[in-house]
C-alpha atoms as a PDB file:
ATOM      1  CA  MET A   1       7.987   7.732   3.717  1.00  0.00           C
ATOM      2  CA  THR A   2       9.683   4.434   3.017  1.00  0.00           C
ATOM      3  CA  MET A   3       9.759   1.223   4.954  1.00  0.00           C
ATOM      4  CA  THR A   4      12.840  -0.153   6.628  1.00  0.00           C
ATOM      5  CA  GLU A   5      14.363  -3.450   5.501  1.00  0.00           C
ATOM      6  CA  GLU A   6      12.943  -5.044   8.664  1.00  0.00           C
ATOM      7  CA  GLN A   7       9.443  -3.777   7.897  1.00  0.00           C
ATOM      8  CA  ILE A   8       9.687  -5.037   4.310  1.00  0.00           C
ATOM      9  CA  ALA A   9      10.737  -8.482   5.560  1.00  0.00           C
ATOM     10  CA  GLU A  10       7.847  -8.478   8.033  1.00  0.00           C
ATOM     11  CA  ILE A  11       5.190  -7.696   5.434  1.00  0.00           C
ATOM     12  CA  LYS A  12       6.653 -10.129   2.905  1.00  0.00           C
ATOM     13  CA  ALA A  13       6.126 -12.858   5.507  1.00  0.00           C
ATOM     14  CA  GLU A  14       2.478 -11.748   5.828  1.00  0.00           C
ATOM     15  CA  MET A  15       1.681 -11.765   2.098  1.00  0.00           C
ATOM     16  CA  VAL A  16      -1.234 -13.959   1.016  1.00  0.00           C
ATOM     17  CA  PRO A  17      -2.408 -15.302  -2.359  1.00  0.00           C
ATOM     18  CA  SER A  18      -4.303 -12.738  -4.442  1.00  0.00           C
ATOM     19  CA  LYS A  19      -7.586 -14.649  -4.066  1.00  0.00           C
ATOM     20  CA  ASP A  20      -7.414 -14.102  -0.270  1.00  0.00           C
ATOM     21  CA  ALA A  21      -6.156 -10.527  -0.370  1.00  0.00           C
ATOM     22  CA  ALA A  22      -7.629  -7.056  -0.410  1.00  0.00           C
ATOM     23  CA  ILE A  23      -6.862  -4.737  -3.315  1.00  0.00           C
ATOM     24  CA  VAL A  24      -5.359  -1.620  -1.762  1.00  0.00           C
ATOM     25  CA  ARG A  25      -3.800   1.723  -2.631  1.00  0.00           C
ATOM     26  CA  PHE A  26      -1.909   3.820  -0.107  1.00  0.00           C
ATOM     27  CA  GLN A  27      -2.678   7.538  -0.205  1.00  0.00           C
ATOM     28  CA  VAL A  28      -0.935  10.553   1.315  1.00  0.00           C
ATOM     29  CA  GLN A  29      -2.753  13.884   0.934  1.00  0.00           C
ATOM     30  CA  GLY A  30      -4.616  12.591  -2.126  1.00  0.00           C
ATOM     31  CA  GLN A  31      -1.547  11.148  -3.835  1.00  0.00           C
ATOM     32  CA  THR A  32      -0.888   7.440  -4.298  1.00  0.00           C
ATOM     33  CA  LEU A  33       2.247   6.206  -2.551  1.00  0.00           C
ATOM     34  CA  ASN A  34       4.720   3.568  -3.745  1.00  0.00           C
ATOM     35  CA  ILE A  35       5.407   1.859  -0.432  1.00  0.00           C
ATOM     36  CA  CYS A  36       8.912   0.688  -1.378  1.00  0.00           C
ATOM     37  CA  SER A  37      10.338   3.794  -3.014  1.00  0.00           C
ATOM     38  CA  GLY A  38       8.312   6.459  -1.195  1.00  0.00           C
ATOM     39  CA  GLU A  39       7.458   8.035  -4.552  1.00  0.00           C
ATOM     40  CA  LEU A  40       4.116   9.833  -4.742  1.00  0.00           C
ATOM     41  CA  GLN A  41       2.118   9.743  -7.957  1.00  0.00           C
ATOM     42  CA  PRO A  42       0.634  13.001  -9.226  1.00  0.00           C
ATOM     43  CA  LYS A  43      -2.538  14.170  -7.500  1.00  0.00           C
ATOM     44  CA  GLY A  44      -5.652  13.530  -9.574  1.00  0.00           C
ATOM     45  CA  ILE A  45      -4.115  10.771 -11.700  1.00  0.00           C
ATOM     46  CA  ASN A  46      -6.727   8.362 -13.100  1.00  0.00           C
ATOM     47  CA  VAL A  47      -7.303   5.412 -10.753  1.00  0.00           C
ATOM     48  CA  MET A  48      -6.420   3.053 -13.630  1.00  0.00           C
ATOM     49  CA  HIS A  49      -2.853   4.355 -13.465  1.00  0.00           C
ATOM     50  CA  GLN A  50      -2.420   4.328  -9.676  1.00  0.00           C
ATOM     51  CA  GLN A  51      -0.136   1.839  -7.916  1.00  0.00           C
ATOM     52  CA  VAL A  52      -2.176  -0.982  -6.340  1.00  0.00           C
ATOM     53  CA  TYR A  53      -1.166  -3.884  -4.127  1.00  0.00           C
ATOM     54  CA  TRP A  54      -2.842  -7.290  -4.236  1.00  0.00           C
ATOM     55  CA  ASN A  55      -1.220  -9.588  -1.697  1.00  0.00           C
ATOM     56  CA  PHE A  56      -2.003  -8.010   1.672  1.00  0.00           C
ATOM     57  CA  THR A  57      -4.843  -8.637   4.083  1.00  0.00           C
ATOM     58  CA  LYS A  58      -6.696  -5.555   5.288  1.00  0.00           C
ATOM     59  CA  GLU A  59      -4.920  -5.878   8.642  1.00  0.00           C
ATOM     60  CA  THR A  60      -1.474  -5.919   7.017  1.00  0.00           C
ATOM     61  CA  ALA A  61      -2.402  -2.988   4.772  1.00  0.00           C
ATOM     62  CA  LYS A  62      -3.509  -0.965   7.800  1.00  0.00           C
ATOM     63  CA  LYS A  63      -0.210  -1.743   9.543  1.00  0.00           C
ATOM     64  CA  ILE A  64       1.748  -0.535   6.489  1.00  0.00           C
ATOM     65  CA  ALA A  65      -0.349   2.625   6.300  1.00  0.00           C
ATOM     66  CA  GLY A  66       0.344   3.318   9.979  1.00  0.00           C
ATOM     67  CA  TRP A  67       4.085   2.970   9.483  1.00  0.00           C
ATOM     68  CA  LEU A  68       4.047   5.339   6.496  1.00  0.00           C
ATOM     69  CA  GLY A  69       1.500   7.901   7.683  1.00  0.00           C
ATOM     70  CA  ALA A  70      -0.754   6.927   4.783  1.00  0.00           C
ATOM     71  CA  LYS A  71      -4.406   6.041   4.324  1.00  0.00           C
ATOM     72  CA  CYS A  72      -5.591   2.688   2.925  1.00  0.00           C
ATOM     73  CA  VAL A  73      -8.026   2.869   0.027  1.00  0.00           C
ATOM     74  CA  PHE A  74      -9.538  -0.555  -0.584  1.00  0.00           C
ATOM     75  CA  SER A  75     -11.173  -1.663  -3.848  1.00  0.00           C
ATOM     76  CA  GLU A  76     -13.864  -4.275  -3.491  1.00  0.00           C
END
């Protein structure tokens, strides 16, 4: 569950300033996923301690989730 170097380059090119971005977590079976390392955080960990990403549009986040078999959880 990690991205290829090509995928990482692609999403880096799509990053936007935080003020224009969605706040997103990527989840796999209830665990938060680090999209670069593939590491899953423990299930049930407090949301304050979960890995979040700030510089993606919702469309980019959904693309990443599709590549990794994850679900996007957006914070508004």
